[in-house]
Amino acid sequence: MKVKTRKARQEVRVFSHQLLHTKVYFTACGFFTLDFGLLTSITSAIATNLMIFVQFQLSGKSSEEYSCDCSVLCLVNNIGLNDTKDH
């Protein structure tokens, strides 16, 4: 960018200096600062909840797949294999 006047050049230099040395931060309506700490907290909360959700999904599937078949237990009881009085 070509600045022609000395005053404009000085203004651009001062503005550039202010940008370099001013810390820029974002807030959510002044309630809290949006920074990397908040981003880390949100990410870890999402990851934790996803792991819990996946574990519930896996435990739900495994309990359905490995549930005890009642007909097998009834068959064992009818045959007398589970009877301990004879021994």
PDB file of N, CA and C in Angstrom:
ATOM      1  N   MET A   1       0.845  -1.163   0.000  1.00  0.00           N
ATOM      2  CA  MET A   1       0.000   0.000   0.000  1.00  0.00           C
ATOM      3  C   MET A   1       0.901   1.240   0.000  1.00  0.00           C
ATOM      4  N   LYS A   2       0.642   2.093  -0.910  1.00  0.00           N
ATOM      5  CA  LYS A   2       1.442   3.301  -1.061  1.00  0.00           C
ATOM      6  C   LYS A   2       0.704   4.477  -0.429  1.00  0.00           C
ATOM      7  N   VAL A   3       1.291   5.057   0.626  1.00  0.00           N
ATOM      8  CA  VAL A   3       0.708   6.211   1.295  1.00  0.00           C
ATOM      9  C   VAL A   3       1.519   7.438   0.874  1.00  0.00           C
ATOM     10  N   LYS A   4       0.805   8.465   0.410  1.00  0.00           N
ATOM     11  CA  LYS A   4       1.505   9.598  -0.184  1.00  0.00           C
ATOM     12  C   LYS A   4       1.867  10.697   0.805  1.00  0.00           C
ATOM     13  N   THR A   5       1.008  10.996   1.732  1.00  0.00           N
ATOM     14  CA  THR A   5       1.318  12.107   2.630  1.00  0.00           C
ATOM     15  C   THR A   5       2.006  11.610   3.893  1.00  0.00           C
ATOM     16  N   ARG A   6       2.782  12.524   4.493  1.00  0.00           N
ATOM     17  CA  ARG A   6       3.533  12.179   5.688  1.00  0.00           C
ATOM     18  C   ARG A   6       2.596  11.912   6.864  1.00  0.00           C
ATOM     19  N   LYS A   7       1.544  12.703   6.999  1.00  0.00           N
ATOM     20  CA  LYS A   7       0.594  12.527   8.100  1.00  0.00           C
ATOM     21  C   LYS A   7      -0.139  11.196   7.970  1.00  0.00           C
ATOM     22  N   ALA A   8      -0.557  10.826   6.772  1.00  0.00           N
ATOM     23  CA  ALA A   8      -1.247   9.551   6.559  1.00  0.00           C
ATOM     24  C   ALA A   8      -0.304   8.387   6.846  1.00  0.00           C
ATOM     25  N   ARG A   9       0.963   8.526   6.453  1.00  0.00           N
ATOM     26  CA  ARG A   9       1.951   7.479   6.719  1.00  0.00           C
ATOM     27  C   ARG A   9       2.144   7.295   8.228  1.00  0.00           C
ATOM     28  N   GLN A  10       2.194   8.393   8.941  1.00  0.00           N
ATOM     29  CA  GLN A  10       2.343   8.333  10.393  1.00  0.00           C
ATOM     30  C   GLN A  10       1.123   7.685  11.038  1.00  0.00           C
ATOM     31  N   GLU A  11      -0.073   8.008  10.584  1.00  0.00           N
ATOM     32  CA  GLU A  11      -1.307   7.411  11.108  1.00  0.00           C
ATOM     33  C   GLU A  11      -1.331   5.906  10.867  1.00  0.00           C
ATOM     34  N   VAL A  12      -0.918   5.492   9.687  1.00  0.00           N
ATOM     35  CA  VAL A  12      -0.884   4.053   9.378  1.00  0.00           C
ATOM     36  C   VAL A  12       0.130   3.358  10.277  1.00  0.00           C
ATOM     37  N   ARG A  13       1.278   3.979  10.515  1.00  0.00           N
ATOM     38  CA  ARG A  13       2.311   3.395  11.358  1.00  0.00           C
ATOM     39  C   ARG A  13       1.824   3.275  12.804  1.00  0.00           C
ATOM     40  N   VAL A  14       1.161   4.294  13.322  1.00  0.00           N
ATOM     41  CA  VAL A  14       0.639   4.260  14.688  1.00  0.00           C
ATOM     42  C   VAL A  14      -0.451   3.201  14.812  1.00  0.00           C
ATOM     43  N   PHE A  15      -1.340   3.137  13.811  1.00  0.00           N
ATOM     44  CA  PHE A  15      -2.407   2.128  13.835  1.00  0.00           C
ATOM     45  C   PHE A  15      -1.827   0.717  13.781  1.00  0.00           C
ATOM     46  N   SER A  16      -0.823   0.502  12.958  1.00  0.00           N
ATOM     47  CA  SER A  16      -0.165  -0.796  12.866  1.00  0.00           C
ATOM     48  C   SER A  16       0.487  -1.164  14.196  1.00  0.00           C
ATOM     49  N   HIS A  17       1.111  -0.199  14.838  1.00  0.00           N
ATOM     50  CA  HIS A  17       1.743  -0.434  16.135  1.00  0.00           C
ATOM     51  C   HIS A  17       0.698  -0.802  17.188  1.00  0.00           C
ATOM     52  N   GLN A  18      -0.444  -0.129  17.159  1.00  0.00           N
ATOM     53  CA  GLN A  18      -1.517  -0.440  18.104  1.00  0.00           C
ATOM     54  C   GLN A  18      -2.057  -1.846  17.890  1.00  0.00           C
ATOM     55  N   LEU A  19      -2.201  -2.250  16.640  1.00  0.00           N
ATOM     56  CA  LEU A  19      -2.689  -3.600  16.347  1.00  0.00           C
ATOM     57  C   LEU A  19      -1.727  -4.669  16.845  1.00  0.00           C
ATOM     58  N   LEU A  20      -0.441  -4.408  16.715  1.00  0.00           N
ATOM     59  CA  LEU A  20       0.555  -5.394  17.146  1.00  0.00           C
ATOM     60  C   LEU A  20       0.595  -5.563  18.661  1.00  0.00           C
ATOM     61  N   HIS A  21       0.351  -4.495  19.399  1.00  0.00           N
ATOM     62  CA  HIS A  21       0.532  -4.544  20.846  1.00  0.00           C
ATOM     63  C   HIS A  21      -0.761  -4.556  21.643  1.00  0.00           C
ATOM     64  N   THR A  22      -1.884  -4.630  20.980  1.00  0.00           N
ATOM     65  CA  THR A  22      -3.160  -4.681  21.683  1.00  0.00           C
ATOM     66  C   THR A  22      -3.665  -6.112  21.669  1.00  0.00           C
ATOM     67  N   LYS A  23      -3.990  -6.609  22.844  1.00  0.00           N
ATOM     68  CA  LYS A  23      -4.527  -7.968  22.929  1.00  0.00           C
ATOM     69  C   LYS A  23      -6.007  -7.946  22.530  1.00  0.00           C
ATOM     70  N   VAL A  24      -6.338  -8.769  21.561  1.00  0.00           N
ATOM     71  CA  VAL A  24      -7.707  -8.847  21.076  1.00  0.00           C
ATOM     72  C   VAL A  24      -8.381 -10.045  21.735  1.00  0.00           C
ATOM     73  N   TYR A  25      -9.550  -9.836  22.280  1.00  0.00           N
ATOM     74  CA  TYR A  25     -10.302 -10.931  22.879  1.00  0.00           C
ATOM     75  C   TYR A  25     -11.775 -10.766  22.553  1.00  0.00           C
ATOM     76  N   PHE A  26     -12.464 -11.880  22.555  1.00  0.00           N
ATOM     77  CA  PHE A  26     -13.883 -11.915  22.240  1.00  0.00           C
ATOM     78  C   PHE A  26     -14.649 -12.349  23.479  1.00  0.00           C
ATOM     79  N   THR A  27     -15.801 -11.732  23.699  1.00  0.00           N
ATOM     80  CA  THR A  27     -16.631 -12.119  24.824  1.00  0.00           C
ATOM     81  C   THR A  27     -18.028 -12.468  24.322  1.00  0.00           C
ATOM     82  N   ALA A  28     -18.738 -13.218  25.138  1.00  0.00           N
ATOM     83  CA  ALA A  28     -20.131 -13.545  24.846  1.00  0.00           C
ATOM     84  C   ALA A  28     -20.995 -12.554  25.616  1.00  0.00           C
ATOM     85  N   CYS A  29     -21.273 -11.443  25.000  1.00  0.00           N
ATOM     86  CA  CYS A  29     -22.075 -10.359  25.601  1.00  0.00           C
ATOM     87  C   CYS A  29     -21.495  -9.894  26.935  1.00  0.00           C
ATOM     88  N   GLY A  30     -20.193 -10.001  27.101  1.00  0.00           N
ATOM     89  CA  GLY A  30     -19.545  -9.560  28.311  1.00  0.00           C
ATOM     90  C   GLY A  30     -19.625 -10.534  29.469  1.00  0.00           C
ATOM     91  N   PHE A  31     -20.252 -11.691  29.291  1.00  0.00           N
ATOM     92  CA  PHE A  31     -20.388 -12.661  30.376  1.00  0.00           C
ATOM     93  C   PHE A  31     -19.106 -13.453  30.610  1.00  0.00           C
ATOM     94  N   PHE A  32     -18.491 -13.921  29.546  1.00  0.00           N
ATOM     95  CA  PHE A  32     -17.252 -14.669  29.675  1.00  0.00           C
ATOM     96  C   PHE A  32     -16.439 -14.501  28.396  1.00  0.00           C
ATOM     97  N   THR A  33     -15.150 -14.743  28.522  1.00  0.00           N
ATOM     98  CA  THR A  33     -14.235 -14.579  27.398  1.00  0.00           C
ATOM     99  C   THR A  33     -14.190 -15.855  26.573  1.00  0.00           C
ATOM    100  N   LEU A  34     -14.260 -15.686  25.276  1.00  0.00           N
ATOM    101  CA  LEU A  34     -14.129 -16.822  24.367  1.00  0.00           C
ATOM    102  C   LEU A  34     -12.648 -16.975  24.031  1.00  0.00           C
ATOM    103  N   ASP A  35     -12.005 -17.981  24.639  1.00  0.00           N
ATOM    104  CA  ASP A  35     -10.586 -18.200  24.413  1.00  0.00           C
ATOM    105  C   ASP A  35     -10.305 -19.697  24.297  1.00  0.00           C
ATOM    106  N   PHE A  36      -9.020 -20.045  24.245  1.00  0.00           N
ATOM    107  CA  PHE A  36      -8.659 -21.450  24.072  1.00  0.00           C
ATOM    108  C   PHE A  36      -9.021 -22.291  25.289  1.00  0.00           C
ATOM    109  N   GLY A  37      -9.033 -21.706  26.468  1.00  0.00           N
ATOM    110  CA  GLY A  37      -9.448 -22.446  27.665  1.00  0.00           C
ATOM    111  C   GLY A  37     -10.894 -22.890  27.564  1.00  0.00           C
ATOM    112  N   LEU A  38     -11.746 -21.996  27.092  1.00  0.00           N
ATOM    113  CA  LEU A  38     -13.157 -22.345  26.912  1.00  0.00           C
ATOM    114  C   LEU A  38     -13.317 -23.397  25.812  1.00  0.00           C
ATOM    115  N   LEU A  39     -12.558 -23.236  24.738  1.00  0.00           N
ATOM    116  CA  LEU A  39     -12.612 -24.212  23.647  1.00  0.00           C
ATOM    117  C   LEU A  39     -12.175 -25.595  24.128  1.00  0.00           C
ATOM    118  N   THR A  40     -11.141 -25.643  24.964  1.00  0.00           N
ATOM    119  CA  THR A  40     -10.677 -26.911  25.527  1.00  0.00           C
ATOM    120  C   THR A  40     -11.742 -27.536  26.424  1.00  0.00           C
ATOM    121  N   SER A  41     -12.384 -26.725  27.252  1.00  0.00           N
ATOM    122  CA  SER A  41     -13.428 -27.236  28.143  1.00  0.00           C
ATOM    123  C   SER A  41     -14.615 -27.789  27.362  1.00  0.00           C
ATOM    124  N   ILE A  42     -15.029 -27.085  26.340  1.00  0.00           N
ATOM    125  CA  ILE A  42     -16.161 -27.546  25.527  1.00  0.00           C
ATOM    126  C   ILE A  42     -15.806 -28.844  24.811  1.00  0.00           C
ATOM    127  N   THR A  43     -14.596 -28.898  24.245  1.00  0.00           N
ATOM    128  CA  THR A  43     -14.164 -30.108  23.538  1.00  0.00           C
ATOM    129  C   THR A  43     -14.082 -31.308  24.466  1.00  0.00           C
ATOM    130  N   SER A  44     -13.534 -31.125  25.658  1.00  0.00           N
ATOM    131  CA  SER A  44     -13.426 -32.256  26.585  1.00  0.00           C
ATOM    132  C   SER A  44     -14.792 -32.698  27.096  1.00  0.00           C
ATOM    133  N   ALA A  45     -15.716 -31.764  27.296  1.00  0.00           N
ATOM    134  CA  ALA A  45     -17.069 -32.140  27.723  1.00  0.00           C
ATOM    135  C   ALA A  45     -17.777 -32.938  26.636  1.00  0.00           C
ATOM    136  N   ILE A  46     -17.629 -32.527  25.395  1.00  0.00           N
ATOM    137  CA  ILE A  46     -18.251 -33.254  24.279  1.00  0.00           C
ATOM    138  C   ILE A  46     -17.639 -34.641  24.155  1.00  0.00           C
ATOM    139  N   ALA A  47     -16.315 -34.743  24.253  1.00  0.00           N
ATOM    140  CA  ALA A  47     -15.648 -36.048  24.137  1.00  0.00           C
ATOM    141  C   ALA A  47     -16.072 -36.982  25.267  1.00  0.00           C
ATOM    142  N   THR A  48     -16.174 -36.469  26.480  1.00  0.00           N
ATOM    143  CA  THR A  48     -16.596 -37.291  27.615  1.00  0.00           C
ATOM    144  C   THR A  48     -18.016 -37.802  27.424  1.00  0.00           C
ATOM    145  N   ASN A  49     -18.917 -36.912  27.025  1.00  0.00           N
ATOM    146  CA  ASN A  49     -20.305 -37.329  26.809  1.00  0.00           C
ATOM    147  C   ASN A  49     -20.428 -38.318  25.663  1.00  0.00           C
ATOM    148  N   LEU A  50     -19.629 -38.158  24.624  1.00  0.00           N
ATOM    149  CA  LEU A  50     -19.663 -39.123  23.519  1.00  0.00           C
ATOM    150  C   LEU A  50     -19.177 -40.496  23.962  1.00  0.00           C
ATOM    151  N   MET A  51     -18.130 -40.530  24.788  1.00  0.00           N
ATOM    152  CA  MET A  51     -17.640 -41.826  25.273  1.00  0.00           C
ATOM    153  C   MET A  51     -18.683 -42.515  26.140  1.00  0.00           C
ATOM    154  N   ILE A  52     -19.347 -41.762  26.991  1.00  0.00           N
ATOM    155  CA  ILE A  52     -20.407 -42.343  27.824  1.00  0.00           C
ATOM    156  C   ILE A  52     -21.546 -42.856  26.951  1.00  0.00           C
ATOM    157  N   PHE A  53     -21.925 -42.088  25.953  1.00  0.00           N
ATOM    158  CA  PHE A  53     -22.997 -42.492  25.046  1.00  0.00           C
ATOM    159  C   PHE A  53     -22.632 -43.766  24.284  1.00  0.00           C
ATOM    160  N   VAL A  54     -21.400 -43.851  23.803  1.00  0.00           N
ATOM    161  CA  VAL A  54     -20.958 -45.049  23.070  1.00  0.00           C
ATOM    162  C   VAL A  54     -20.950 -46.254  23.999  1.00  0.00           C
ATOM    163  N   GLN A  55     -20.518 -46.080  25.241  1.00  0.00           N
ATOM    164  CA  GLN A  55     -20.514 -47.204  26.178  1.00  0.00           C
ATOM    165  C   GLN A  55     -21.925 -47.697  26.468  1.00  0.00           C
ATOM    166  N   PHE A  56     -22.883 -46.779  26.585  1.00  0.00           N
ATOM    167  CA  PHE A  56     -24.261 -47.198  26.781  1.00  0.00           C
ATOM    168  C   PHE A  56     -24.789 -47.929  25.557  1.00  0.00           C
ATOM    169  N   GLN A  57     -24.425 -47.469  24.379  1.00  0.00           N
ATOM    170  CA  GLN A  57     -24.866 -48.134  23.159  1.00  0.00           C
ATOM    171  C   GLN A  57     -24.264 -49.534  23.066  1.00  0.00           C
ATOM    172  N   LEU A  58     -22.982 -49.667  23.390  1.00  0.00           N
ATOM    173  CA  LEU A  58     -22.333 -50.983  23.330  1.00  0.00           C
ATOM    174  C   LEU A  58     -22.897 -51.919  24.386  1.00  0.00           C
ATOM    175  N   SER A  59     -23.157 -51.426  25.577  1.00  0.00           N
ATOM    176  CA  SER A  59     -23.686 -52.296  26.629  1.00  0.00           C
ATOM    177  C   SER A  59     -25.114 -52.712  26.301  1.00  0.00           C
ATOM    178  N   GLY A  60     -25.876 -51.864  25.651  1.00  0.00           N
ATOM    179  CA  GLY A  60     -27.236 -52.222  25.249  1.00  0.00           C
ATOM    180  C   GLY A  60     -27.236 -53.321  24.209  1.00  0.00           C
ATOM    181  N   LYS A  61     -26.331 -53.247  23.239  1.00  0.00           N
ATOM    182  CA  LYS A  61     -26.253 -54.275  22.205  1.00  0.00           C
ATOM    183  C   LYS A  61     -25.744 -55.592  22.784  1.00  0.00           C
ATOM    184  N   SER A  62     -24.750 -55.519  23.658  1.00  0.00           N
ATOM    185  CA  SER A  62     -24.188 -56.765  24.174  1.00  0.00           C
ATOM    186  C   SER A  62     -25.172 -57.475  25.097  1.00  0.00           C
ATOM    187  N   SER A  63     -25.985 -56.732  25.831  1.00  0.00           N
ATOM    188  CA  SER A  63     -26.939 -57.403  26.702  1.00  0.00           C
ATOM    189  C   SER A  63     -28.035 -58.077  25.895  1.00  0.00           C
ATOM    190  N   GLU A  64     -28.385 -57.522  24.737  1.00  0.00           N
ATOM    191  CA  GLU A  64     -29.378 -58.166  23.879  1.00  0.00           C
ATOM    192  C   GLU A  64     -28.792 -59.394  23.195  1.00  0.00           C
ATOM    193  N   GLU A  65     -27.531 -59.278  22.767  1.00  0.00           N
ATOM    194  CA  GLU A  65     -26.911 -60.396  22.063  1.00  0.00           C
ATOM    195  C   GLU A  65     -26.581 -61.560  22.987  1.00  0.00           C
ATOM    196  N   TYR A  66     -26.182 -61.277  24.210  1.00  0.00           N
ATOM    197  CA  TYR A  66     -25.741 -62.313  25.126  1.00  0.00           C
ATOM    198  C   TYR A  66     -26.741 -62.579  26.239  1.00  0.00           C
ATOM    199  N   SER A  67     -27.983 -62.233  26.018  1.00  0.00           N
ATOM    200  CA  SER A  67     -28.978 -62.468  27.062  1.00  0.00           C
ATOM    201  C   SER A  67     -29.245 -63.968  27.184  1.00  0.00           C
ATOM    202  N   CYS A  68     -29.638 -64.371  28.369  1.00  0.00           N
ATOM    203  CA  CYS A  68     -29.877 -65.779  28.647  1.00  0.00           C
ATOM    204  C   CYS A  68     -31.158 -66.230  27.961  1.00  0.00           C
ATOM    205  N   ASP A  69     -31.108 -67.383  27.312  1.00  0.00           N
ATOM    206  CA  ASP A  69     -32.277 -67.923  26.625  1.00  0.00           C
ATOM    207  C   ASP A  69     -33.070 -68.748  27.629  1.00  0.00           C
ATOM    208  N   CYS A  70     -34.279 -68.333  27.905  1.00  0.00           N
ATOM    209  CA  CYS A  70     -35.113 -68.986  28.916  1.00  0.00           C
ATOM    210  C   CYS A  70     -35.484 -70.407  28.501  1.00  0.00           C
ATOM    211  N   SER A  71     -35.626 -70.660  27.209  1.00  0.00           N
ATOM    212  CA  SER A  71     -36.017 -72.002  26.764  1.00  0.00           C
ATOM    213  C   SER A  71     -34.927 -73.018  27.101  1.00  0.00           C
ATOM    214  N   VAL A  72     -33.656 -72.626  27.073  1.00  0.00           N
ATOM    215  CA  VAL A  72     -32.569 -73.537  27.422  1.00  0.00           C
ATOM    216  C   VAL A  72     -32.643 -73.865  28.910  1.00  0.00           C
ATOM    217  N   LEU A  73     -32.910 -72.879  29.753  1.00  0.00           N
ATOM    218  CA  LEU A  73     -33.026 -73.127  31.180  1.00  0.00           C
ATOM    219  C   LEU A  73     -34.211 -74.036  31.487  1.00  0.00           C
ATOM    220  N   CYS A  74     -35.319 -73.839  30.796  1.00  0.00           N
ATOM    221  CA  CYS A  74     -36.483 -74.691  31.012  1.00  0.00           C
ATOM    222  C   CYS A  74     -36.183 -76.126  30.590  1.00  0.00           C
ATOM    223  N   LEU A  75     -35.469 -76.307  29.510  1.00  0.00           N
ATOM    224  CA  LEU A  75     -35.105 -77.630  29.029  1.00  0.00           C
ATOM    225  C   LEU A  75     -34.193 -78.325  30.035  1.00  0.00           C
ATOM    226  N   VAL A  76     -33.224 -77.617  30.590  1.00  0.00           N
ATOM    227  CA  VAL A  76     -32.315 -78.194  31.573  1.00  0.00           C
ATOM    228  C   VAL A  76     -33.087 -78.597  32.822  1.00  0.00           C
ATOM    229  N   ASN A  77     -34.003 -77.781  33.271  1.00  0.00           N
ATOM    230  CA  ASN A  77     -34.787 -78.102  34.456  1.00  0.00           C
ATOM    231  C   ASN A  77     -35.727 -79.282  34.202  1.00  0.00           C
ATOM    232  N   ASN A  78     -36.298 -79.433  33.020  1.00  0.00           N
ATOM    233  CA  ASN A  78     -37.204 -80.523  32.710  1.00  0.00           C
ATOM    234  C   ASN A  78     -36.467 -81.849  32.595  1.00  0.00           C
ATOM    235  N   ILE A  79     -35.266 -81.827  32.067  1.00  0.00           N
ATOM    236  CA  ILE A  79     -34.506 -83.071  31.937  1.00  0.00           C
ATOM    237  C   ILE A  79     -34.021 -83.545  33.302  1.00  0.00           C
ATOM    238  N   GLY A  80     -33.782 -82.593  34.185  1.00  0.00           N
ATOM    239  CA  GLY A  80     -33.317 -82.986  35.513  1.00  0.00           C
ATOM    240  C   GLY A  80     -31.822 -82.852  35.687  1.00  0.00           C
ATOM    241  N   LEU A  81     -31.172 -82.173  34.758  1.00  0.00           N
ATOM    242  CA  LEU A  81     -29.733 -81.984  34.883  1.00  0.00           C
ATOM    243  C   LEU A  81     -29.377 -81.048  36.030  1.00  0.00           C
ATOM    244  N   ASN A  82     -30.289 -80.217  36.387  1.00  0.00           N
ATOM    245  CA  ASN A  82     -30.022 -79.247  37.444  1.00  0.00           C
ATOM    246  C   ASN A  82     -30.506 -79.745  38.805  1.00  0.00           C
ATOM    247  N   ASP A  83     -30.949 -81.009  38.888  1.00  0.00           N
ATOM    248  CA  ASP A  83     -31.471 -81.557  40.128  1.00  0.00           C
ATOM    249  C   ASP A  83     -30.335 -82.075  40.986  1.00  0.00           C
ATOM    250  N   THR A  84     -30.183 -81.591  42.177  1.00  0.00           N
ATOM    251  CA  THR A  84     -29.089 -82.004  43.063  1.00  0.00           C
ATOM    252  C   THR A  84     -29.557 -82.960  44.153  1.00  0.00           C
ATOM    253  N   LYS A  85     -30.834 -83.315  44.211  1.00  0.00           N
ATOM    254  CA  LYS A  85     -31.342 -84.186  45.259  1.00  0.00           C
ATOM    255  C   LYS A  85     -30.880 -85.635  45.055  1.00  0.00           C
ATOM    256  N   ASP A  86     -30.664 -86.052  43.819  1.00  0.00           N
ATOM    257  CA  ASP A  86     -30.277 -87.435  43.545  1.00  0.00           C
ATOM    258  C   ASP A  86     -28.842 -87.715  43.957  1.00  0.00           C
ATOM    259  N   HIS A  87     -27.999 -86.723  44.043  1.00  0.00           N
ATOM    260  CA  HIS A  87     -26.582 -86.944  44.291  1.00  0.00           C
ATOM    261  C   HIS A  87     -26.276 -86.870  45.727  1.00  0.00           C
TER     262      HIS A  87
END
